[in-house]
Amino acid sequence: MRINVSLSGKQVAAGTALLLGVVLAFGSTLATGAGAGPINAESIAEVIVSQQDHVTPGELAQWLIEKRDDFQLVDIREPWKFDDYHIPTAVNIPMSELFTAAGLKRLERGKKIVVYGLGAGHSAQAQLLLALKGYDAYSLKAGISAWWAEVMTPRSLWSEDQDPAGYQRAKQIRSYFMGAPGQPQGSAAPAAAPPPPPKTTPRKKPATRKKLKLGRGCS
């Protein structure tokens, strides 16, 4: 069973408008601090409206398969959740630490910064605040929940189609991130072939004692 949790369009629009209002009002204040850069709030708002501020799970999966090194993936959830499961190559900088001097120091300035949380809420807020600080920031659309549903979950578990198009490709991508048992995520290592059966050495027949023929008159 696939459970979808979604907000209505009005709720999303209201939340985005409220956040944008606060950010635009205090943009210059938010921009100060480590790693701060020039701010163009109007350009950032335009990017948000055009939905160019996020990366889809499918796009992120392709980036990871291609082993691109032009982006940094940041998990903003709590450490125990990161330890329980995280997307390969991600580093854990909790939301509570992300905008501290130590947290910002861990971000790679010359790369795209892709942040994700459980869903869309905190990651979208983190992306916007990072953009206001001058980072080339993006959020993972719908968070790690969408990653799990769209990349890691077999389509046969949630698709109503008898033969959904593209399921073979989705299966290959899923296999890449699952890897073989005992292998790290993203290794795409095939399962090792079973060892050949041990060679058996034929057992020697026990030696038989030869009966000595005794001549007549011998005792």
C-alpha atoms as a PDB file:
ATOM      1  CA  MET A   1       0.000   0.000   0.000  1.00  0.00           C
ATOM      2  CA  ARG A   2       1.359   3.408  -0.942  1.00  0.00           C
ATOM      3  CA  ILE A   3       0.481   6.246   1.403  1.00  0.00           C
ATOM      4  CA  ASN A   4       0.539   9.740  -0.042  1.00  0.00           C
ATOM      5  CA  VAL A   5       0.713  12.758   2.217  1.00  0.00           C
ATOM      6  CA  SER A   6       0.142  15.984   0.312  1.00  0.00           C
ATOM      7  CA  LEU A   7      -0.891  19.555   0.896  1.00  0.00           C
ATOM      8  CA  SER A   8      -3.484  21.354  -1.119  1.00  0.00           C
ATOM      9  CA  GLY A   9      -2.357  23.919  -3.661  1.00  0.00           C
ATOM     10  CA  LYS A  10      -3.720  26.737  -1.495  1.00  0.00           C
ATOM     11  CA  GLN A  11      -1.772  25.524   1.541  1.00  0.00           C
ATOM     12  CA  VAL A  12       1.481  25.290  -0.405  1.00  0.00           C
ATOM     13  CA  ALA A  13       0.943  28.686  -2.027  1.00  0.00           C
ATOM     14  CA  ALA A  14       0.097  30.306   1.305  1.00  0.00           C
ATOM     15  CA  GLY A  15       3.150  28.792   2.994  1.00  0.00           C
ATOM     16  CA  THR A  16       5.454  29.815   0.166  1.00  0.00           C
ATOM     17  CA  ALA A  17       4.069  33.339   0.062  1.00  0.00           C
ATOM     18  CA  LEU A  18       4.485  33.729   3.818  1.00  0.00           C
ATOM     19  CA  LEU A  19       8.049  32.464   3.756  1.00  0.00           C
ATOM     20  CA  LEU A  20       8.935  34.658   0.791  1.00  0.00           C
ATOM     21  CA  GLY A  21       7.481  37.680   2.547  1.00  0.00           C
ATOM     22  CA  VAL A  22       9.571  37.097   5.641  1.00  0.00           C
ATOM     23  CA  VAL A  23      12.712  36.380   3.642  1.00  0.00           C
ATOM     24  CA  LEU A  24      12.367  39.413   1.378  1.00  0.00           C
ATOM     25  CA  ALA A  25      11.717  41.632   4.384  1.00  0.00           C
ATOM     26  CA  PHE A  26      14.821  40.442   6.252  1.00  0.00           C
ATOM     27  CA  GLY A  27      16.968  39.368   3.318  1.00  0.00           C
ATOM     28  CA  SER A  28      19.894  41.646   4.096  1.00  0.00           C
ATOM     29  CA  THR A  29      20.018  40.401   7.680  1.00  0.00           C
ATOM     30  CA  LEU A  30      19.888  36.744   6.671  1.00  0.00           C
ATOM     31  CA  ALA A  31      22.702  37.242   4.199  1.00  0.00           C
ATOM     32  CA  THR A  32      25.265  38.250   6.788  1.00  0.00           C
ATOM     33  CA  GLY A  33      27.643  35.692   8.191  1.00  0.00           C
ATOM     34  CA  ALA A  34      30.113  33.100   6.945  1.00  0.00           C
ATOM     35  CA  GLY A  35      29.967  32.476   3.217  1.00  0.00           C
ATOM     36  CA  ALA A  36      27.677  35.417   2.536  1.00  0.00           C
ATOM     37  CA  GLY A  37      27.457  36.650  -1.033  1.00  0.00           C
ATOM     38  CA  PRO A  38      25.515  39.184  -3.090  1.00  0.00           C
ATOM     39  CA  ILE A  39      21.725  38.957  -2.856  1.00  0.00           C
ATOM     40  CA  ASN A  40      19.143  39.393  -5.547  1.00  0.00           C
ATOM     41  CA  ALA A  41      15.866  38.561  -3.833  1.00  0.00           C
ATOM     42  CA  GLU A  42      13.833  39.147  -6.980  1.00  0.00           C
ATOM     43  CA  SER A  43      15.888  36.610  -8.940  1.00  0.00           C
ATOM     44  CA  ILE A  44      15.545  34.071  -6.131  1.00  0.00           C
ATOM     45  CA  ALA A  45      11.771  34.572  -6.067  1.00  0.00           C
ATOM     46  CA  GLU A  46      11.640  34.065  -9.828  1.00  0.00           C
ATOM     47  CA  VAL A  47      13.581  30.799  -9.519  1.00  0.00           C
ATOM     48  CA  ILE A  48      11.158  29.567  -6.850  1.00  0.00           C
ATOM     49  CA  VAL A  49       8.074  30.434  -8.897  1.00  0.00           C
ATOM     50  CA  SER A  50       9.521  28.712 -11.980  1.00  0.00           C
ATOM     51  CA  GLN A  51      10.358  25.638  -9.840  1.00  0.00           C
ATOM     52  CA  GLN A  52      14.021  25.697 -10.798  1.00  0.00           C
ATOM     53  CA  ASP A  53      15.060  25.530  -7.163  1.00  0.00           C
ATOM     54  CA  HIS A  54      14.753  21.774  -6.727  1.00  0.00           C
ATOM     55  CA  VAL A  55      16.091  18.473  -8.047  1.00  0.00           C
ATOM     56  CA  THR A  56      13.826  15.472  -8.588  1.00  0.00           C
ATOM     57  CA  PRO A  57      14.709  12.043  -7.156  1.00  0.00           C
ATOM     58  CA  GLY A  58      15.225  10.729 -10.687  1.00  0.00           C
ATOM     59  CA  GLU A  59      17.629  13.542 -11.556  1.00  0.00           C
ATOM     60  CA  LEU A  60      19.578  13.026  -8.345  1.00  0.00           C
ATOM     61  CA  ALA A  61      19.804   9.275  -8.992  1.00  0.00           C
ATOM     62  CA  GLN A  62      21.246   9.954 -12.448  1.00  0.00           C
ATOM     63  CA  TRP A  63      23.780  12.421 -11.019  1.00  0.00           C
ATOM     64  CA  LEU A  64      24.938   9.810  -8.512  1.00  0.00           C
ATOM     65  CA  ILE A  65      25.171   7.058 -11.124  1.00  0.00           C
ATOM     66  CA  GLU A  66      27.257   9.376 -13.319  1.00  0.00           C
ATOM     67  CA  LYS A  67      29.439  10.087 -10.251  1.00  0.00           C
ATOM     68  CA  ARG A  68      29.206  13.808 -10.846  1.00  0.00           C
ATOM     69  CA  ASP A  69      31.432  15.858  -8.570  1.00  0.00           C
ATOM     70  CA  ASP A  70      29.864  19.267  -9.159  1.00  0.00           C
ATOM     71  CA  PHE A  71      27.367  19.022  -6.293  1.00  0.00           C
ATOM     72  CA  GLN A  72      27.287  18.349  -2.556  1.00  0.00           C
ATOM     73  CA  LEU A  73      24.390  16.406  -1.055  1.00  0.00           C
ATOM     74  CA  VAL A  74      23.384  17.492   2.456  1.00  0.00           C
ATOM     75  CA  ASP A  75      21.010  15.611   4.758  1.00  0.00           C
ATOM     76  CA  ILE A  76      19.516  18.084   7.263  1.00  0.00           C
ATOM     77  CA  ARG A  77      17.740  15.480   9.421  1.00  0.00           C
ATOM     78  CA  GLU A  78      18.753  14.428  12.903  1.00  0.00           C
ATOM     79  CA  PRO A  79      21.906  12.267  13.148  1.00  0.00           C
ATOM     80  CA  TRP A  80      20.071   9.087  14.204  1.00  0.00           C
ATOM     81  CA  LYS A  81      17.788   9.341  11.186  1.00  0.00           C
ATOM     82  CA  PHE A  82      20.802   9.861   8.938  1.00  0.00           C
ATOM     83  CA  ASP A  83      22.438   6.809  10.496  1.00  0.00           C
ATOM     84  CA  ASP A  84      19.276   4.739  10.029  1.00  0.00           C
ATOM     85  CA  TYR A  85      19.200   5.448   6.290  1.00  0.00           C
ATOM     86  CA  HIS A  86      20.544   8.149   3.991  1.00  0.00           C
ATOM     87  CA  ILE A  87      21.083   8.709   0.297  1.00  0.00           C
ATOM     88  CA  PRO A  88      24.579   7.646  -0.830  1.00  0.00           C
ATOM     89  CA  THR A  89      27.332  10.322  -0.658  1.00  0.00           C
ATOM     90  CA  ALA A  90      25.233  12.617   1.591  1.00  0.00           C
ATOM     91  CA  VAL A  91      26.806  14.417   4.542  1.00  0.00           C
ATOM     92  CA  ASN A  92      24.785  15.071   7.671  1.00  0.00           C
ATOM     93  CA  ILE A  93      24.445  18.692   8.782  1.00  0.00           C
ATOM     94  CA  PRO A  94      21.271  18.952  10.885  1.00  0.00           C
ATOM     95  CA  MET A  95      19.039  21.953  10.278  1.00  0.00           C
ATOM     96  CA  SER A  96      19.847  23.234  13.760  1.00  0.00           C
ATOM     97  CA  GLU A  97      23.552  23.403  12.825  1.00  0.00           C
ATOM     98  CA  LEU A  98      23.375  24.276   9.130  1.00  0.00           C
ATOM     99  CA  PHE A  99      23.542  28.056   9.559  1.00  0.00           C
ATOM    100  CA  THR A 100      26.124  28.108  12.317  1.00  0.00           C
ATOM    101  CA  ALA A 101      29.697  29.034  11.453  1.00  0.00           C
ATOM    102  CA  ALA A 102      30.750  25.392  11.765  1.00  0.00           C
ATOM    103  CA  GLY A 103      27.866  24.184   9.608  1.00  0.00           C
ATOM    104  CA  LEU A 104      28.460  26.706   6.823  1.00  0.00           C
ATOM    105  CA  LYS A 105      32.165  25.876   6.856  1.00  0.00           C
ATOM    106  CA  ARG A 106      31.326  22.305   5.817  1.00  0.00           C
ATOM    107  CA  LEU A 107      29.568  23.469   2.633  1.00  0.00           C
ATOM    108  CA  GLU A 108      31.589  23.426  -0.576  1.00  0.00           C
ATOM    109  CA  ARG A 109      31.241  26.916  -2.028  1.00  0.00           C
ATOM    110  CA  GLY A 110      32.070  26.081  -5.640  1.00  0.00           C
ATOM    111  CA  LYS A 111      29.470  23.321  -5.962  1.00  0.00           C
ATOM    112  CA  LYS A 112      25.709  23.017  -6.168  1.00  0.00           C
ATOM    113  CA  ILE A 113      24.340  22.406  -2.673  1.00  0.00           C
ATOM    114  CA  VAL A 114      21.443  19.931  -2.690  1.00  0.00           C
ATOM    115  CA  VAL A 115      19.674  19.686   0.668  1.00  0.00           C
ATOM    116  CA  TYR A 116      17.030  17.187   1.703  1.00  0.00           C
ATOM    117  CA  GLY A 117      14.947  16.316   4.737  1.00  0.00           C
ATOM    118  CA  LEU A 118      12.035  13.966   5.304  1.00  0.00           C
ATOM    119  CA  GLY A 119       9.725  15.923   3.001  1.00  0.00           C
ATOM    120  CA  ALA A 120       9.572  19.300   1.319  1.00  0.00           C
ATOM    121  CA  GLY A 121       9.211  21.652   4.315  1.00  0.00           C
ATOM    122  CA  HIS A 122      12.569  22.178   6.008  1.00  0.00           C
ATOM    123  CA  SER A 123      14.622  21.409   2.913  1.00  0.00           C
ATOM    124  CA  ALA A 124      12.799  24.104   0.901  1.00  0.00           C
ATOM    125  CA  GLN A 125      13.355  26.595   3.711  1.00  0.00           C
ATOM    126  CA  ALA A 126      17.036  25.638   3.989  1.00  0.00           C
ATOM    127  CA  GLN A 127      17.456  25.962   0.216  1.00  0.00           C
ATOM    128  CA  LEU A 128      15.950  29.451   0.225  1.00  0.00           C
ATOM    129  CA  LEU A 129      18.091  30.660   3.116  1.00  0.00           C
ATOM    130  CA  LEU A 130      21.238  29.235   1.503  1.00  0.00           C
ATOM    131  CA  ALA A 131      20.356  30.961  -1.772  1.00  0.00           C
ATOM    132  CA  LEU A 132      20.042  34.250   0.103  1.00  0.00           C
ATOM    133  CA  LYS A 133      23.542  33.663   1.423  1.00  0.00           C
ATOM    134  CA  GLY A 134      24.832  33.354  -2.118  1.00  0.00           C
ATOM    135  CA  TYR A 135      25.035  29.571  -2.414  1.00  0.00           C
ATOM    136  CA  ASP A 136      23.948  27.764  -5.577  1.00  0.00           C
ATOM    137  CA  ALA A 137      21.374  25.830  -3.550  1.00  0.00           C
ATOM    138  CA  TYR A 138      18.675  23.314  -4.452  1.00  0.00           C
ATOM    139  CA  SER A 139      16.352  21.045  -2.513  1.00  0.00           C
ATOM    140  CA  LEU A 140      15.401  17.453  -3.249  1.00  0.00           C
ATOM    141  CA  LYS A 141      11.765  17.605  -4.345  1.00  0.00           C
ATOM    142  CA  ALA A 142       9.556  16.029  -1.627  1.00  0.00           C
ATOM    143  CA  GLY A 143      12.631  14.895   0.301  1.00  0.00           C
ATOM    144  CA  ILE A 144      13.926  11.459   1.131  1.00  0.00           C
ATOM    145  CA  SER A 145      10.360  10.130   1.246  1.00  0.00           C
ATOM    146  CA  ALA A 146      10.042  10.749  -2.505  1.00  0.00           C
ATOM    147  CA  TRP A 147      13.505   9.242  -3.055  1.00  0.00           C
ATOM    148  CA  TRP A 148      12.399   6.048  -1.335  1.00  0.00           C
ATOM    149  CA  ALA A 149       9.080   5.896  -3.194  1.00  0.00           C
ATOM    150  CA  GLU A 150      10.357   6.789  -6.664  1.00  0.00           C
ATOM    151  CA  VAL A 151      13.833   5.264  -6.679  1.00  0.00           C
ATOM    152  CA  MET A 152      14.043   2.511  -4.072  1.00  0.00           C
ATOM    153  CA  THR A 153      10.526   1.020  -4.120  1.00  0.00           C
ATOM    154  CA  PRO A 154       9.712  -1.538  -6.848  1.00  0.00           C
ATOM    155  CA  ARG A 155       7.028  -0.224  -9.177  1.00  0.00           C
ATOM    156  CA  SER A 156       5.089  -3.461  -8.901  1.00  0.00           C
ATOM    157  CA  LEU A 157       4.248  -2.539  -5.293  1.00  0.00           C
ATOM    158  CA  TRP A 158       2.434   0.672  -6.144  1.00  0.00           C
ATOM    159  CA  SER A 159       1.714   0.837  -9.858  1.00  0.00           C
ATOM    160  CA  GLU A 160      -1.785  -0.048 -11.051  1.00  0.00           C
ATOM    161  CA  ASP A 161      -0.551  -0.742 -14.588  1.00  0.00           C
ATOM    162  CA  GLN A 162      -0.068  -4.336 -15.634  1.00  0.00           C
ATOM    163  CA  ASP A 163       3.226  -3.527 -17.367  1.00  0.00           C
ATOM    164  CA  PRO A 164       4.357   0.005 -16.424  1.00  0.00           C
ATOM    165  CA  ALA A 165       6.639   1.594 -18.983  1.00  0.00           C
ATOM    166  CA  GLY A 166      10.200   2.088 -17.819  1.00  0.00           C
ATOM    167  CA  TYR A 167      10.099  -0.390 -14.955  1.00  0.00           C
ATOM    168  CA  GLN A 168      13.218  -2.178 -16.241  1.00  0.00           C
ATOM    169  CA  ARG A 169      15.188   1.056 -16.107  1.00  0.00           C
ATOM    170  CA  ALA A 170      13.799   1.783 -12.652  1.00  0.00           C
ATOM    171  CA  LYS A 171      14.841  -1.705 -11.584  1.00  0.00           C
ATOM    172  CA  GLN A 172      18.396  -1.136 -12.815  1.00  0.00           C
ATOM    173  CA  ILE A 173      18.625   2.147 -10.919  1.00  0.00           C
ATOM    174  CA  ARG A 174      17.262   0.542  -7.751  1.00  0.00           C
ATOM    175  CA  SER A 175      19.732  -2.342  -8.048  1.00  0.00           C
ATOM    176  CA  TYR A 176      22.583   0.138  -8.379  1.00  0.00           C
ATOM    177  CA  PHE A 177      21.774   1.809  -5.058  1.00  0.00           C
ATOM    178  CA  MET A 178      20.942  -1.401  -3.230  1.00  0.00           C
ATOM    179  CA  GLY A 179      24.125  -3.158  -4.351  1.00  0.00           C
ATOM    180  CA  ALA A 180      24.899  -6.714  -3.442  1.00  0.00           C
ATOM    181  CA  PRO A 181      24.505  -8.060   0.109  1.00  0.00           C
ATOM    182  CA  GLY A 182      27.404  -6.846   2.199  1.00  0.00           C
ATOM    183  CA  GLN A 183      28.385  -4.171  -0.323  1.00  0.00           C
ATOM    184  CA  PRO A 184      28.057  -0.406   0.300  1.00  0.00           C
ATOM    185  CA  GLN A 185      25.254   1.530  -1.379  1.00  0.00           C
ATOM    186  CA  GLY A 186      26.108   2.661  -4.878  1.00  0.00           C
ATOM    187  CA  SER A 187      28.733  -0.008  -5.405  1.00  0.00           C
ATOM    188  CA  ALA A 188      26.618  -1.848  -7.961  1.00  0.00           C
ATOM    189  CA  ALA A 189      28.796  -4.841  -7.297  1.00  0.00           C
ATOM    190  CA  PRO A 190      27.390  -8.150  -8.550  1.00  0.00           C
ATOM    191  CA  ALA A 191      26.878 -10.915  -6.074  1.00  0.00           C
ATOM    192  CA  ALA A 192      29.897 -13.172  -5.808  1.00  0.00           C
ATOM    193  CA  ALA A 193      29.641 -16.544  -7.494  1.00  0.00           C
ATOM    194  CA  PRO A 194      29.371 -19.459  -5.094  1.00  0.00           C
ATOM    195  CA  PRO A 195      32.695 -21.192  -4.497  1.00  0.00           C
ATOM    196  CA  PRO A 196      33.219 -24.473  -6.325  1.00  0.00           C
ATOM    197  CA  PRO A 197      32.577 -27.596  -4.293  1.00  0.00           C
ATOM    198  CA  PRO A 198      35.689 -28.921  -2.573  1.00  0.00           C
ATOM    199  CA  LYS A 199      37.543 -31.671  -4.383  1.00  0.00           C
ATOM    200  CA  THR A 200      37.039 -35.037  -2.801  1.00  0.00           C
ATOM    201  CA  THR A 201      39.979 -37.374  -2.471  1.00  0.00           C
ATOM    202  CA  PRO A 202      39.032 -41.009  -3.078  1.00  0.00           C
ATOM    203  CA  ARG A 203      39.318 -42.999   0.062  1.00  0.00           C
ATOM    204  CA  LYS A 204      41.898 -45.710  -0.016  1.00  0.00           C
ATOM    205  CA  LYS A 205      40.693 -49.197   0.597  1.00  0.00           C
ATOM    206  CA  PRO A 206      42.058 -50.626   3.807  1.00  0.00           C
ATOM    207  CA  ALA A 207      44.928 -52.988   3.269  1.00  0.00           C
ATOM    208  CA  THR A 208      44.005 -56.653   3.582  1.00  0.00           C
ATOM    209  CA  ARG A 209      46.199 -59.100   5.349  1.00  0.00           C
ATOM    210  CA  LYS A 210      47.395 -61.856   3.095  1.00  0.00           C
ATOM    211  CA  LYS A 211      46.957 -65.308   4.411  1.00  0.00           C
ATOM    212  CA  LEU A 212      50.185 -67.234   4.490  1.00  0.00           C
ATOM    213  CA  LYS A 213      50.027 -70.691   3.108  1.00  0.00           C
ATOM    214  CA  LEU A 214      51.794 -73.019   5.428  1.00  0.00           C
ATOM    215  CA  GLY A 215      53.351 -76.152   4.145  1.00  0.00           C
ATOM    216  CA  ARG A 216      52.514 -79.568   5.479  1.00  0.00           C
ATOM    217  CA  GLY A 217      54.134 -80.386   8.742  1.00  0.00           C
ATOM    218  CA  CYS A 218      54.315 -76.800   9.848  1.00  0.00           C
ATOM    219  CA  SER A 219      52.536 -75.831  12.996  1.00  0.00           C
END
